[in-house]
Amino acid sequence: MTARGVEIAINTYKPGTASAPEPVAHDGCEFGVVLDGSLEVTVGGRTHKLQKGDLISYPSTEPHRFTNTGSSPARTMWLNLKRDPMA
């Protein structure tokens, strides 16, 4: 869902899958929480291993990618704050 520069998404990553083949960058700032499972989040070439309940935030302009290296699905919630198109 996107409204006035705010995008909220709940995503599920199956084991062995990733958000993209290579890290991507775009406008905004992201905040994420792992709801179930575990997820590796690579931002600007640095990898963070997140478990259920862990939070992360970073500028979306940094190349980033999410990878589920675990054996169970990882469910996440992301909040992406973009420049307000109405501003």
C-alpha atoms as a PDB file:
ATOM      1  CA  MET A   1       0.000   0.000   0.000  1.00  0.00           C
ATOM      2  CA  THR A   2       1.363   3.447  -0.884  1.00  0.00           C
ATOM      3  CA  ALA A   3      -0.094   6.720   0.361  1.00  0.00           C
ATOM      4  CA  ARG A   4       1.457  10.201   0.298  1.00  0.00           C
ATOM      5  CA  GLY A   5       5.024   8.944   0.211  1.00  0.00           C
ATOM      6  CA  VAL A   6       4.573   6.036   2.654  1.00  0.00           C
ATOM      7  CA  GLU A   7       4.692   2.434   1.461  1.00  0.00           C
ATOM      8  CA  ILE A   8       3.927  -0.492   3.787  1.00  0.00           C
ATOM      9  CA  ALA A   9       4.524  -4.092   2.745  1.00  0.00           C
ATOM     10  CA  ILE A  10       4.369  -7.505   4.388  1.00  0.00           C
ATOM     11  CA  ASN A  11       6.545  -9.965   2.490  1.00  0.00           C
ATOM     12  CA  THR A  12       7.263 -13.671   2.821  1.00  0.00           C
ATOM     13  CA  TYR A  13      10.577 -15.063   1.556  1.00  0.00           C
ATOM     14  CA  LYS A  14      10.794 -18.821   1.041  1.00  0.00           C
ATOM     15  CA  PRO A  15      14.062 -20.534   2.043  1.00  0.00           C
ATOM     16  CA  GLY A  16      16.766 -19.902  -0.552  1.00  0.00           C
ATOM     17  CA  THR A  17      15.042 -16.870  -2.100  1.00  0.00           C
ATOM     18  CA  ALA A  18      16.044 -13.220  -2.266  1.00  0.00           C
ATOM     19  CA  SER A  19      14.340  -9.894  -2.925  1.00  0.00           C
ATOM     20  CA  ALA A  20      16.360  -9.344  -6.118  1.00  0.00           C
ATOM     21  CA  PRO A  21      19.234 -10.947  -8.052  1.00  0.00           C
ATOM     22  CA  GLU A  22      21.500  -8.008  -7.125  1.00  0.00           C
ATOM     23  CA  PRO A  23      21.231  -5.198  -4.551  1.00  0.00           C
ATOM     24  CA  VAL A  24      18.949  -2.337  -5.624  1.00  0.00           C
ATOM     25  CA  ALA A  25      18.693   1.317  -4.592  1.00  0.00           C
ATOM     26  CA  HIS A  26      15.828   3.804  -4.803  1.00  0.00           C
ATOM     27  CA  ASP A  27      14.520   6.960  -3.189  1.00  0.00           C
ATOM     28  CA  GLY A  28      13.476   6.904   0.457  1.00  0.00           C
ATOM     29  CA  CYS A  29      14.310   5.454   3.827  1.00  0.00           C
ATOM     30  CA  GLU A  30      13.346   1.923   4.919  1.00  0.00           C
ATOM     31  CA  PHE A  31      12.407   0.413   8.248  1.00  0.00           C
ATOM     32  CA  GLY A  32      11.922  -3.347   8.541  1.00  0.00           C
ATOM     33  CA  VAL A  33      11.052  -5.933  11.175  1.00  0.00           C
ATOM     34  CA  VAL A  34      11.299  -9.712  10.948  1.00  0.00           C
ATOM     35  CA  LEU A  35       7.948 -11.161  12.020  1.00  0.00           C
ATOM     36  CA  ASP A  36       8.876 -14.858  11.595  1.00  0.00           C
ATOM     37  CA  GLY A  37      12.027 -16.746  10.645  1.00  0.00           C
ATOM     38  CA  SER A  38      15.345 -15.100   9.851  1.00  0.00           C
ATOM     39  CA  LEU A  39      16.669 -12.915   7.055  1.00  0.00           C
ATOM     40  CA  GLU A  40      20.012 -11.612   5.860  1.00  0.00           C
ATOM     41  CA  VAL A  41      19.814  -7.954   4.869  1.00  0.00           C
ATOM     42  CA  THR A  42      22.734  -6.606   2.853  1.00  0.00           C
ATOM     43  CA  VAL A  43      23.012  -2.815   2.780  1.00  0.00           C
ATOM     44  CA  GLY A  44      25.913  -1.043   1.094  1.00  0.00           C
ATOM     45  CA  GLY A  45      27.912  -4.291   0.958  1.00  0.00           C
ATOM     46  CA  ARG A  46      27.491  -5.048   4.687  1.00  0.00           C
ATOM     47  CA  THR A  47      25.339  -8.041   5.713  1.00  0.00           C
ATOM     48  CA  HIS A  48      23.127  -8.028   8.813  1.00  0.00           C
ATOM     49  CA  LYS A  49      21.639 -11.301  10.111  1.00  0.00           C
ATOM     50  CA  LEU A  50      18.192 -10.638  11.536  1.00  0.00           C
ATOM     51  CA  GLN A  51      16.042 -12.970  13.638  1.00  0.00           C
ATOM     52  CA  LYS A  52      12.369 -12.792  14.605  1.00  0.00           C
ATOM     53  CA  GLY A  53      11.748  -9.461  16.352  1.00  0.00           C
ATOM     54  CA  ASP A  54      14.854  -7.724  14.985  1.00  0.00           C
ATOM     55  CA  LEU A  55      14.526  -4.288  13.387  1.00  0.00           C
ATOM     56  CA  ILE A  56      16.632  -2.514  10.774  1.00  0.00           C
ATOM     57  CA  SER A  57      16.571   0.904   9.133  1.00  0.00           C
ATOM     58  CA  TYR A  58      18.684   2.431   6.369  1.00  0.00           C
ATOM     59  CA  PRO A  59      18.540   4.943   3.521  1.00  0.00           C
ATOM     60  CA  SER A  60      16.994   3.237   0.476  1.00  0.00           C
ATOM     61  CA  THR A  61      19.552   5.039  -1.666  1.00  0.00           C
ATOM     62  CA  GLU A  62      22.101   2.479  -0.375  1.00  0.00           C
ATOM     63  CA  PRO A  63      22.075  -0.685  -2.525  1.00  0.00           C
ATOM     64  CA  HIS A  64      20.193  -3.357  -0.550  1.00  0.00           C
ATOM     65  CA  ARG A  65      18.975  -6.938  -0.863  1.00  0.00           C
ATOM     66  CA  PHE A  66      17.193  -9.428   1.415  1.00  0.00           C
ATOM     67  CA  THR A  67      18.041 -13.152   1.417  1.00  0.00           C
ATOM     68  CA  ASN A  68      16.460 -16.026   3.327  1.00  0.00           C
ATOM     69  CA  THR A  69      19.331 -18.408   4.056  1.00  0.00           C
ATOM     70  CA  GLY A  70      17.302 -20.231   6.716  1.00  0.00           C
ATOM     71  CA  SER A  71      15.289 -23.442   6.462  1.00  0.00           C
ATOM     72  CA  SER A  72      11.857 -21.887   7.083  1.00  0.00           C
ATOM     73  CA  PRO A  73       9.926 -19.014   5.517  1.00  0.00           C
ATOM     74  CA  ALA A  74      10.803 -15.493   6.685  1.00  0.00           C
ATOM     75  CA  ARG A  75       7.936 -13.021   7.051  1.00  0.00           C
ATOM     76  CA  THR A  76       8.732  -9.307   7.253  1.00  0.00           C
ATOM     77  CA  MET A  77       7.041  -5.939   7.443  1.00  0.00           C
ATOM     78  CA  TRP A  78       8.629  -2.933   5.692  1.00  0.00           C
ATOM     79  CA  LEU A  79       7.869   0.753   5.911  1.00  0.00           C
ATOM     80  CA  ASN A  80       9.389   2.846   3.131  1.00  0.00           C
ATOM     81  CA  LEU A  81       9.242   6.600   3.533  1.00  0.00           C
ATOM     82  CA  LYS A  82       9.577   8.310   0.185  1.00  0.00           C
ATOM     83  CA  ARG A  83       9.718  11.982  -0.622  1.00  0.00           C
ATOM     84  CA  ASP A  84       6.164  13.286  -0.327  1.00  0.00           C
ATOM     85  CA  PRO A  85       4.933  13.749  -3.931  1.00  0.00           C
ATOM     86  CA  MET A  86       2.471  16.381  -2.661  1.00  0.00           C
ATOM     87  CA  ALA A  87       5.244  18.532  -1.122  1.00  0.00           C
END
